């Protein structure tokens, strides 16, 4: 789990993600907040002069963004997947890594992740699906377009996405 920010994230959902006992990678800014919540941190990205807990690995950020340093660390250490909690989301920060690591980003009430051609998922009627990355020859079923890249599920059941790219980044949210 990579925690870059917690401003728009509920303690309940954080608890659900932590139930899996993940390796917890955080920025120096979020380390103190998680420590105050009693959450064990494994890796701090950035400089944190205070040692909040014992046995914490610290990785210094030089030129890259903290999320870039963290994703490279996870890939180099053979992690297959990561849940990212963040206050700011830029698609270009994650695109170079989606073919090397299963990434799920939680940002501002949305769940963002990469899908492959032919992706299908069951959702209740009225849920929003946003296409975040470029989609050539996009064909959808079970969805109704409400704007250029935003769709809504038409009924309880499966929706399907067909497209030409190796993967697409999509997000799920409530309207």
N, C-alpha and C. Protein backbone atom coordinates (compact mmCIF):
# COMPACT_ATOMS: atom_id res chain seq x y z
N UNK A 1 0.85 -1.16 0.00
CA UNK A 1 0.00 0.00 0.00
C UNK A 1 0.90 1.23 0.00
N UNK A 2 0.59 2.19 -0.86
CA UNK A 2 1.33 3.44 -0.94
C UNK A 2 0.41 4.57 -0.52
N UNK A 3 0.77 5.27 0.56
CA UNK A 3 -0.06 6.36 1.07
C UNK A 3 0.66 7.67 0.80
N UNK A 4 0.12 8.44 -0.15
CA UNK A 4 0.69 9.73 -0.53
C UNK A 4 -0.06 10.88 0.14
N UNK A 5 -1.30 10.64 0.54
CA UNK A 5 -2.11 11.66 1.20
C UNK A 5 -3.41 11.05 1.68
N UNK A 6 -3.98 11.62 2.73
CA UNK A 6 -5.19 11.06 3.33
C UNK A 6 -6.32 12.09 3.48
N UNK A 7 -6.18 13.25 2.86
CA UNK A 7 -7.16 14.32 3.09
C UNK A 7 -8.59 13.95 2.70
N UNK A 8 -8.77 13.19 1.63
CA UNK A 8 -10.11 12.84 1.17
C UNK A 8 -10.34 11.34 1.22
N UNK A 9 -9.86 10.70 2.29
CA UNK A 9 -9.95 9.26 2.39
C UNK A 9 -10.47 8.88 3.76
N UNK A 10 -11.43 7.98 3.82
CA UNK A 10 -12.06 7.63 5.09
C UNK A 10 -11.21 6.64 5.88
N UNK A 11 -11.27 6.76 7.18
CA UNK A 11 -10.58 5.81 8.06
C UNK A 11 -11.11 4.40 7.85
N UNK A 12 -12.41 4.29 7.55
CA UNK A 12 -13.02 2.97 7.34
C UNK A 12 -12.41 2.27 6.13
N UNK A 13 -12.28 2.97 5.00
CA UNK A 13 -11.70 2.36 3.81
C UNK A 13 -10.22 2.07 4.03
N UNK A 14 -9.53 2.94 4.74
CA UNK A 14 -8.12 2.70 5.06
C UNK A 14 -8.00 1.41 5.88
N UNK A 15 -8.88 1.24 6.84
CA UNK A 15 -8.88 0.01 7.65
C UNK A 15 -9.13 -1.23 6.81
N UNK A 16 -10.03 -1.12 5.83
CA UNK A 16 -10.31 -2.26 4.96
C UNK A 16 -9.08 -2.64 4.13
N UNK A 17 -8.38 -1.64 3.63
CA UNK A 17 -7.18 -1.92 2.84
C UNK A 17 -6.06 -2.50 3.71
N UNK A 18 -5.99 -2.06 4.94
CA UNK A 18 -4.95 -2.55 5.85
C UNK A 18 -5.23 -3.96 6.37
N UNK A 19 -6.47 -4.44 6.25
CA UNK A 19 -6.81 -5.80 6.69
C UNK A 19 -5.97 -6.85 5.97
N UNK A 20 -5.47 -6.52 4.78
CA UNK A 20 -4.68 -7.46 4.00
C UNK A 20 -3.23 -7.51 4.49
N UNK A 21 -2.90 -6.74 5.52
CA UNK A 21 -1.54 -6.66 6.08
C UNK A 21 -0.49 -6.36 5.01
N UNK A 22 -0.69 -5.28 4.28
CA UNK A 22 0.26 -4.96 3.21
C UNK A 22 1.54 -4.33 3.77
N UNK A 23 2.56 -4.28 2.92
CA UNK A 23 3.71 -3.44 3.19
C UNK A 23 3.21 -2.01 3.04
N UNK A 24 3.44 -1.17 4.03
CA UNK A 24 2.94 0.21 4.00
C UNK A 24 4.09 1.15 3.67
N UNK A 25 3.98 1.77 2.48
CA UNK A 25 4.96 2.73 1.99
C UNK A 25 4.29 4.10 2.05
N UNK A 26 4.97 5.08 2.64
CA UNK A 26 4.35 6.40 2.83
C UNK A 26 5.34 7.50 2.51
N UNK A 27 4.81 8.69 2.33
CA UNK A 27 5.67 9.87 2.23
C UNK A 27 5.98 10.32 3.65
N UNK A 28 7.00 11.13 3.77
CA UNK A 28 7.37 11.66 5.09
C UNK A 28 6.20 12.44 5.69
N UNK A 29 5.44 13.13 4.84
CA UNK A 29 4.31 13.92 5.32
C UNK A 29 3.20 13.07 5.94
N UNK A 30 2.98 11.89 5.40
CA UNK A 30 1.89 11.04 5.92
C UNK A 30 2.36 10.09 7.02
N UNK A 31 3.66 9.91 7.15
CA UNK A 31 4.18 8.97 8.15
C UNK A 31 3.74 9.32 9.57
N UNK A 32 3.82 10.59 9.91
CA UNK A 32 3.46 11.01 11.26
C UNK A 32 1.97 10.81 11.53
N UNK A 33 1.16 11.11 10.54
CA UNK A 33 -0.29 10.94 10.69
C UNK A 33 -0.66 9.47 10.90
N UNK A 34 -0.06 8.59 10.11
CA UNK A 34 -0.33 7.16 10.27
C UNK A 34 0.19 6.65 11.60
N UNK A 35 1.34 7.14 12.02
CA UNK A 35 1.89 6.76 13.31
C UNK A 35 0.93 7.14 14.44
N UNK A 36 0.35 8.33 14.34
CA UNK A 36 -0.60 8.79 15.36
C UNK A 36 -1.85 7.91 15.39
N UNK A 37 -2.17 7.27 14.25
CA UNK A 37 -3.32 6.38 14.17
C UNK A 37 -2.96 4.95 14.62
N UNK A 38 -1.68 4.74 14.95
CA UNK A 38 -1.24 3.42 15.37
C UNK A 38 -0.99 2.46 14.23
N UNK A 39 -0.75 2.98 13.04
CA UNK A 39 -0.53 2.14 11.86
C UNK A 39 0.97 1.97 11.64
N UNK A 40 1.41 0.72 11.53
CA UNK A 40 2.82 0.40 11.32
C UNK A 40 3.21 0.77 9.90
N UNK A 41 4.28 1.57 9.77
CA UNK A 41 4.82 1.99 8.49
C UNK A 41 6.08 1.18 8.22
N UNK A 42 6.24 0.72 6.97
CA UNK A 42 7.41 -0.09 6.62
C UNK A 42 8.49 0.72 5.89
N UNK A 43 8.06 1.61 4.98
CA UNK A 43 9.00 2.37 4.16
C UNK A 43 8.53 3.82 4.10
N UNK A 44 9.47 4.76 4.33
CA UNK A 44 9.18 6.19 4.19
C UNK A 44 9.94 6.71 2.98
N UNK A 45 9.21 7.33 2.06
CA UNK A 45 9.80 7.94 0.88
C UNK A 45 9.99 9.42 1.19
N UNK A 46 11.23 9.86 1.19
CA UNK A 46 11.53 11.25 1.52
C UNK A 46 12.37 11.31 2.77
N UNK A 47 12.55 12.49 3.26
CA UNK A 47 13.36 12.63 4.47
C UNK A 47 12.45 12.84 5.66
N UNK A 48 12.65 12.05 6.65
CA UNK A 48 11.89 12.17 7.88
C UNK A 48 12.90 12.08 9.02
N UNK A 49 13.23 13.23 9.60
CA UNK A 49 14.26 13.26 10.64
C UNK A 49 13.86 12.52 11.89
N UNK A 50 12.56 12.46 12.16
CA UNK A 50 12.08 11.75 13.34
C UNK A 50 11.91 10.28 13.02
N UNK A 51 12.45 9.42 13.85
CA UNK A 51 12.21 7.99 13.69
C UNK A 51 10.96 7.67 14.51
N UNK A 52 9.82 7.57 13.84
CA UNK A 52 8.55 7.38 14.52
C UNK A 52 8.38 5.96 15.03
N UNK A 53 8.92 5.00 14.31
CA UNK A 53 8.80 3.60 14.67
C UNK A 53 10.14 2.93 14.39
N UNK A 54 10.36 1.78 14.99
CA UNK A 54 11.61 1.06 14.70
C UNK A 54 11.46 0.28 13.40
N UNK A 55 12.57 -0.08 12.82
CA UNK A 55 12.61 -0.92 11.61
C UNK A 55 11.92 -0.29 10.40
N UNK A 56 12.06 1.01 10.22
CA UNK A 56 11.50 1.68 9.05
C UNK A 56 12.62 1.93 8.05
N UNK A 57 12.39 1.51 6.82
CA UNK A 57 13.34 1.79 5.74
C UNK A 57 13.03 3.18 5.20
N UNK A 58 14.06 3.99 4.99
CA UNK A 58 13.88 5.33 4.44
C UNK A 58 14.54 5.40 3.07
N UNK A 59 13.82 5.90 2.08
CA UNK A 59 14.34 6.09 0.73
C UNK A 59 14.30 7.58 0.43
N UNK A 60 15.44 8.15 0.14
CA UNK A 60 15.54 9.58 -0.13
C UNK A 60 15.06 9.89 -1.54
N UNK A 61 14.28 10.95 -1.67
CA UNK A 61 13.81 11.43 -2.96
C UNK A 61 14.80 12.48 -3.44
N UNK A 62 15.36 12.26 -4.63
CA UNK A 62 16.30 13.24 -5.18
C UNK A 62 15.62 14.09 -6.24
N UNK A 63 15.38 13.54 -7.41
CA UNK A 63 14.80 14.32 -8.50
C UNK A 63 13.37 13.91 -8.82
N UNK A 64 13.05 12.65 -8.65
CA UNK A 64 11.71 12.16 -9.00
C UNK A 64 10.69 12.55 -7.95
N UNK A 65 9.42 12.43 -8.34
CA UNK A 65 8.33 12.63 -7.40
C UNK A 65 8.28 11.44 -6.44
N UNK A 66 7.74 11.62 -5.23
CA UNK A 66 7.65 10.50 -4.29
C UNK A 66 6.93 9.28 -4.86
N UNK A 67 5.86 9.50 -5.63
CA UNK A 67 5.13 8.35 -6.19
C UNK A 67 5.98 7.59 -7.19
N UNK A 68 6.82 8.29 -7.96
CA UNK A 68 7.71 7.63 -8.91
C UNK A 68 8.74 6.79 -8.17
N UNK A 69 9.35 7.35 -7.15
CA UNK A 69 10.33 6.63 -6.34
C UNK A 69 9.69 5.39 -5.72
N UNK A 70 8.50 5.55 -5.17
CA UNK A 70 7.81 4.43 -4.52
C UNK A 70 7.46 3.33 -5.53
N UNK A 71 6.92 3.70 -6.68
CA UNK A 71 6.54 2.69 -7.68
C UNK A 71 7.77 1.95 -8.19
N UNK A 72 8.87 2.66 -8.41
CA UNK A 72 10.11 2.00 -8.83
C UNK A 72 10.60 1.04 -7.75
N UNK A 73 10.52 1.45 -6.48
CA UNK A 73 10.92 0.60 -5.36
C UNK A 73 10.07 -0.68 -5.34
N UNK A 74 8.78 -0.55 -5.50
CA UNK A 74 7.88 -1.71 -5.47
C UNK A 74 8.17 -2.67 -6.62
N UNK A 75 8.42 -2.12 -7.81
CA UNK A 75 8.73 -2.95 -8.98
C UNK A 75 10.06 -3.67 -8.78
N UNK A 76 11.09 -2.92 -8.34
CA UNK A 76 12.41 -3.51 -8.12
C UNK A 76 12.38 -4.62 -7.07
N UNK A 77 11.47 -4.51 -6.11
CA UNK A 77 11.36 -5.50 -5.05
C UNK A 77 10.29 -6.54 -5.32
N UNK A 78 9.86 -6.62 -6.58
CA UNK A 78 8.97 -7.69 -7.08
C UNK A 78 7.59 -7.71 -6.44
N UNK A 79 7.08 -6.56 -6.05
CA UNK A 79 5.70 -6.51 -5.59
C UNK A 79 4.80 -6.62 -6.81
N UNK A 80 3.76 -7.45 -6.78
CA UNK A 80 2.90 -7.61 -7.96
C UNK A 80 1.81 -6.53 -8.07
N UNK A 81 1.47 -5.90 -6.95
CA UNK A 81 0.34 -4.96 -6.97
C UNK A 81 0.50 -3.94 -5.85
N UNK A 82 -0.22 -2.81 -6.01
CA UNK A 82 -0.20 -1.77 -4.98
C UNK A 82 -1.52 -1.02 -5.00
N UNK A 83 -2.02 -0.72 -3.81
CA UNK A 83 -3.14 0.21 -3.64
C UNK A 83 -2.51 1.55 -3.27
N UNK A 84 -2.87 2.60 -4.01
CA UNK A 84 -2.33 3.93 -3.79
C UNK A 84 -3.44 4.83 -3.26
N UNK A 85 -3.19 5.52 -2.16
CA UNK A 85 -4.12 6.50 -1.60
C UNK A 85 -3.46 7.86 -1.78
N UNK A 86 -4.14 8.78 -2.49
CA UNK A 86 -3.51 10.07 -2.77
C UNK A 86 -4.53 11.21 -2.78
N UNK A 87 -4.00 12.42 -2.55
CA UNK A 87 -4.82 13.62 -2.60
C UNK A 87 -4.79 14.25 -3.99
N UNK A 88 -3.71 14.03 -4.72
CA UNK A 88 -3.56 14.55 -6.08
C UNK A 88 -3.29 13.39 -7.02
N UNK A 89 -3.90 13.44 -8.21
CA UNK A 89 -3.72 12.37 -9.19
C UNK A 89 -3.42 12.97 -10.56
N UNK A 90 -2.29 12.57 -11.14
CA UNK A 90 -1.93 12.91 -12.51
C UNK A 90 -1.71 11.59 -13.23
N UNK A 91 -2.49 11.34 -14.27
CA UNK A 91 -2.44 10.06 -14.98
C UNK A 91 -1.03 9.77 -15.47
N UNK A 92 -0.29 10.78 -15.91
CA UNK A 92 1.05 10.54 -16.45
C UNK A 92 2.05 10.04 -15.39
N UNK A 93 1.74 10.21 -14.12
CA UNK A 93 2.61 9.68 -13.07
C UNK A 93 2.51 8.16 -12.95
N UNK A 94 1.42 7.59 -13.43
CA UNK A 94 1.18 6.16 -13.26
C UNK A 94 1.27 5.36 -14.55
N UNK A 95 1.01 5.99 -15.70
CA UNK A 95 1.01 5.26 -16.98
C UNK A 95 2.28 4.45 -17.25
N UNK A 96 3.48 4.97 -16.96
CA UNK A 96 4.68 4.17 -17.26
C UNK A 96 4.79 2.87 -16.45
N UNK A 97 3.97 2.71 -15.43
CA UNK A 97 4.12 1.57 -14.52
C UNK A 97 2.98 0.56 -14.58
N UNK A 98 1.89 0.87 -15.28
CA UNK A 98 0.73 -0.03 -15.24
C UNK A 98 0.97 -1.36 -15.93
N UNK A 99 1.99 -1.45 -16.78
CA UNK A 99 2.28 -2.74 -17.39
C UNK A 99 3.27 -3.56 -16.57
N UNK A 100 3.78 -2.98 -15.48
CA UNK A 100 4.75 -3.67 -14.63
C UNK A 100 4.19 -4.01 -13.24
N UNK A 101 3.07 -3.39 -12.89
CA UNK A 101 2.52 -3.49 -11.54
C UNK A 101 1.02 -3.26 -11.61
N UNK A 102 0.24 -4.10 -10.94
CA UNK A 102 -1.20 -3.85 -10.86
C UNK A 102 -1.41 -2.70 -9.87
N UNK A 103 -1.91 -1.57 -10.38
CA UNK A 103 -2.04 -0.36 -9.57
C UNK A 103 -3.52 -0.01 -9.45
N UNK A 104 -3.97 0.19 -8.22
CA UNK A 104 -5.31 0.71 -7.96
C UNK A 104 -5.10 2.00 -7.17
N UNK A 105 -5.61 3.11 -7.71
CA UNK A 105 -5.44 4.41 -7.07
C UNK A 105 -6.79 4.86 -6.50
N UNK A 106 -6.77 5.25 -5.23
CA UNK A 106 -7.95 5.81 -4.58
C UNK A 106 -7.72 7.31 -4.46
N UNK A 107 -8.55 8.08 -5.18
CA UNK A 107 -8.38 9.53 -5.21
C UNK A 107 -9.75 10.21 -5.27
N UNK A 108 -10.00 11.07 -4.31
CA UNK A 108 -11.18 11.93 -4.32
C UNK A 108 -12.49 11.16 -4.59
N UNK A 109 -12.67 10.05 -3.90
CA UNK A 109 -13.89 9.26 -4.04
C UNK A 109 -13.92 8.35 -5.25
N UNK A 110 -12.83 8.29 -5.99
CA UNK A 110 -12.77 7.43 -7.17
C UNK A 110 -11.78 6.30 -6.95
N UNK A 111 -12.04 5.20 -7.63
CA UNK A 111 -11.14 4.05 -7.67
C UNK A 111 -10.65 3.95 -9.11
N UNK A 112 -9.34 4.15 -9.32
CA UNK A 112 -8.75 4.23 -10.66
C UNK A 112 -7.85 3.01 -10.86
N UNK A 113 -7.99 2.36 -12.03
CA UNK A 113 -7.16 1.20 -12.32
C UNK A 113 -7.10 0.94 -13.81
N UNK A 114 -6.12 0.11 -14.22
CA UNK A 114 -5.94 -0.25 -15.62
C UNK A 114 -6.74 -1.51 -15.94
N UNK A 115 -7.31 -1.55 -17.14
CA UNK A 115 -8.05 -2.72 -17.60
C UNK A 115 -7.55 -3.09 -18.99
N UNK A 116 -7.73 -4.36 -19.35
CA UNK A 116 -7.34 -4.85 -20.66
C UNK A 116 -8.57 -4.96 -21.55
N UNK A 117 -8.33 -5.03 -22.85
CA UNK A 117 -9.41 -5.15 -23.83
C UNK A 117 -10.32 -6.32 -23.46
N UNK A 118 -11.62 -6.09 -23.57
CA UNK A 118 -12.60 -7.11 -23.23
C UNK A 118 -12.98 -7.11 -21.76
N UNK A 119 -12.54 -6.09 -21.04
CA UNK A 119 -12.83 -5.99 -19.61
C UNK A 119 -14.33 -6.00 -19.37
N UNK A 120 -14.76 -6.74 -18.35
CA UNK A 120 -16.16 -6.85 -17.99
C UNK A 120 -16.27 -6.87 -16.48
N UNK A 121 -17.26 -6.16 -15.93
CA UNK A 121 -17.44 -6.12 -14.48
C UNK A 121 -18.90 -5.89 -14.16
N UNK A 122 -19.35 -6.52 -13.06
CA UNK A 122 -20.71 -6.32 -12.58
C UNK A 122 -20.74 -5.05 -11.73
N UNK A 123 -21.72 -4.19 -12.00
CA UNK A 123 -21.91 -2.96 -11.22
C UNK A 123 -23.41 -2.71 -11.08
N UNK A 124 -23.82 -2.04 -10.01
CA UNK A 124 -25.22 -1.66 -9.89
C UNK A 124 -25.56 -0.51 -10.85
N UNK A 125 -26.83 -0.38 -11.16
CA UNK A 125 -27.28 0.72 -12.03
C UNK A 125 -26.94 2.05 -11.40
N UNK A 126 -26.53 2.99 -12.25
CA UNK A 126 -26.28 4.36 -11.79
C UNK A 126 -24.86 4.64 -11.36
N UNK A 127 -23.96 3.66 -11.41
CA UNK A 127 -22.56 3.93 -11.09
C UNK A 127 -21.88 4.58 -12.28
N UNK A 128 -20.94 5.48 -12.00
CA UNK A 128 -20.21 6.19 -13.05
C UNK A 128 -18.91 5.48 -13.37
N UNK A 129 -18.60 5.41 -14.65
CA UNK A 129 -17.33 4.86 -15.15
C UNK A 129 -16.72 5.96 -16.01
N UNK A 130 -15.49 6.34 -15.69
CA UNK A 130 -14.79 7.36 -16.45
C UNK A 130 -13.62 6.72 -17.19
N UNK A 131 -13.47 7.07 -18.46
CA UNK A 131 -12.32 6.61 -19.23
C UNK A 131 -11.26 7.69 -19.09
N UNK A 132 -10.15 7.36 -18.46
CA UNK A 132 -9.13 8.36 -18.14
C UNK A 132 -8.06 8.47 -19.22
N UNK A 133 -7.62 7.35 -19.76
CA UNK A 133 -6.58 7.40 -20.79
C UNK A 133 -7.21 7.32 -22.18
N UNK A 134 -6.40 7.57 -23.19
CA UNK A 134 -6.88 7.60 -24.58
C UNK A 134 -7.44 6.24 -24.98
N UNK A 135 -8.61 6.27 -25.64
CA UNK A 135 -9.28 5.02 -26.04
C UNK A 135 -9.66 5.09 -27.52
N UNK A 136 -8.93 4.34 -28.34
CA UNK A 136 -9.27 4.26 -29.76
C UNK A 136 -10.25 3.11 -29.98
N UNK A 137 -11.21 3.34 -30.86
CA UNK A 137 -12.20 2.32 -31.21
C UNK A 137 -12.92 1.77 -29.98
N UNK A 138 -13.25 2.63 -29.05
CA UNK A 138 -13.92 2.20 -27.83
C UNK A 138 -15.35 1.76 -28.13
N UNK A 139 -15.68 0.57 -27.67
CA UNK A 139 -17.04 0.05 -27.76
C UNK A 139 -17.45 -0.37 -26.36
N UNK A 140 -18.64 0.03 -25.96
CA UNK A 140 -19.12 -0.28 -24.62
C UNK A 140 -20.45 -1.01 -24.70
N UNK A 141 -20.73 -1.81 -23.68
CA UNK A 141 -22.07 -2.38 -23.53
C UNK A 141 -22.41 -2.29 -22.05
N UNK A 142 -23.68 -2.05 -21.76
CA UNK A 142 -24.13 -1.89 -20.39
C UNK A 142 -23.88 -0.51 -19.83
N UNK A 143 -23.42 0.41 -20.67
CA UNK A 143 -23.11 1.78 -20.27
C UNK A 143 -23.80 2.77 -21.20
N UNK A 144 -24.15 3.92 -20.65
CA UNK A 144 -24.70 5.01 -21.43
C UNK A 144 -23.77 6.21 -21.29
N UNK A 145 -23.42 6.82 -22.43
CA UNK A 145 -22.53 7.97 -22.41
C UNK A 145 -23.24 9.19 -21.83
N UNK A 146 -22.59 9.87 -20.88
CA UNK A 146 -23.17 11.11 -20.34
C UNK A 146 -22.26 12.31 -20.64
N UNK A 147 -21.05 12.05 -21.12
CA UNK A 147 -20.16 13.08 -21.65
C UNK A 147 -19.07 12.35 -22.44
N UNK A 148 -18.10 13.08 -22.93
CA UNK A 148 -17.09 12.50 -23.82
C UNK A 148 -16.41 11.26 -23.25
N UNK A 149 -16.03 11.28 -22.00
CA UNK A 149 -15.32 10.14 -21.43
C UNK A 149 -15.99 9.59 -20.17
N UNK A 150 -17.22 9.98 -19.92
CA UNK A 150 -17.93 9.57 -18.72
C UNK A 150 -19.18 8.78 -19.10
N UNK A 151 -19.37 7.67 -18.42
CA UNK A 151 -20.49 6.77 -18.69
C UNK A 151 -21.19 6.45 -17.39
N UNK A 152 -22.42 5.96 -17.52
CA UNK A 152 -23.18 5.52 -16.36
C UNK A 152 -23.72 4.12 -16.67
N UNK A 153 -23.71 3.26 -15.66
CA UNK A 153 -24.23 1.91 -15.87
C UNK A 153 -25.75 2.00 -16.03
N UNK A 154 -26.27 1.31 -17.02
CA UNK A 154 -27.68 1.41 -17.37
C UNK A 154 -28.58 0.52 -16.52
N UNK A 155 -28.01 -0.54 -15.95
CA UNK A 155 -28.80 -1.48 -15.16
C UNK A 155 -27.86 -2.27 -14.25
N UNK A 156 -28.44 -2.95 -13.28
CA UNK A 156 -27.64 -3.87 -12.46
C UNK A 156 -27.15 -4.98 -13.38
N UNK A 157 -25.88 -5.19 -13.42
CA UNK A 157 -25.34 -6.23 -14.28
C UNK A 157 -23.96 -5.86 -14.80
N UNK A 158 -23.51 -6.62 -15.78
CA UNK A 158 -22.16 -6.44 -16.32
C UNK A 158 -22.11 -5.31 -17.35
N UNK A 159 -21.02 -4.58 -17.33
CA UNK A 159 -20.68 -3.69 -18.43
C UNK A 159 -19.39 -4.22 -19.03
N UNK A 160 -19.15 -3.93 -20.30
CA UNK A 160 -17.98 -4.43 -21.02
C UNK A 160 -17.34 -3.30 -21.81
N UNK A 161 -16.01 -3.32 -21.86
CA UNK A 161 -15.24 -2.34 -22.63
C UNK A 161 -14.38 -3.07 -23.65
N UNK A 162 -14.47 -2.65 -24.91
CA UNK A 162 -13.62 -3.16 -25.99
C UNK A 162 -12.86 -1.96 -26.54
N UNK A 163 -11.55 -2.11 -26.80
CA UNK A 163 -10.75 -1.00 -27.29
C UNK A 163 -9.48 -1.53 -27.95
N UNK A 164 -8.73 -0.65 -28.63
CA UNK A 164 -7.56 -1.06 -29.40
C UNK A 164 -6.26 -1.05 -28.60
N UNK A 165 -6.16 -0.27 -27.54
CA UNK A 165 -4.93 -0.14 -26.77
C UNK A 165 -4.65 -1.40 -25.94
N UNK A 166 -3.41 -1.57 -25.48
CA UNK A 166 -3.12 -2.73 -24.62
C UNK A 166 -3.86 -2.64 -23.28
N UNK A 167 -4.10 -1.43 -22.82
CA UNK A 167 -4.84 -1.22 -21.57
C UNK A 167 -5.44 0.18 -21.58
N UNK A 168 -6.41 0.37 -20.70
CA UNK A 168 -7.04 1.67 -20.47
C UNK A 168 -7.04 1.93 -18.99
N UNK A 169 -6.92 3.19 -18.61
CA UNK A 169 -7.14 3.56 -17.22
C UNK A 169 -8.59 4.03 -17.10
N UNK A 170 -9.31 3.44 -16.16
CA UNK A 170 -10.68 3.85 -15.92
C UNK A 170 -10.83 4.18 -14.44
N UNK A 171 -11.92 4.87 -14.12
CA UNK A 171 -12.23 5.10 -12.71
C UNK A 171 -13.69 4.79 -12.49
N UNK A 172 -13.96 4.37 -11.27
CA UNK A 172 -15.34 4.11 -10.82
C UNK A 172 -15.68 5.14 -9.76
N UNK A 173 -16.90 5.63 -9.82
CA UNK A 173 -17.36 6.55 -8.76
C UNK A 173 -18.87 6.54 -8.72
N UNK A 174 -19.39 7.11 -7.66
CA UNK A 174 -20.84 7.31 -7.56
C UNK A 174 -21.15 8.67 -8.16
N UNK A 175 -22.32 8.81 -8.74
CA UNK A 175 -22.71 10.12 -9.29
C UNK A 175 -23.11 11.07 -8.20
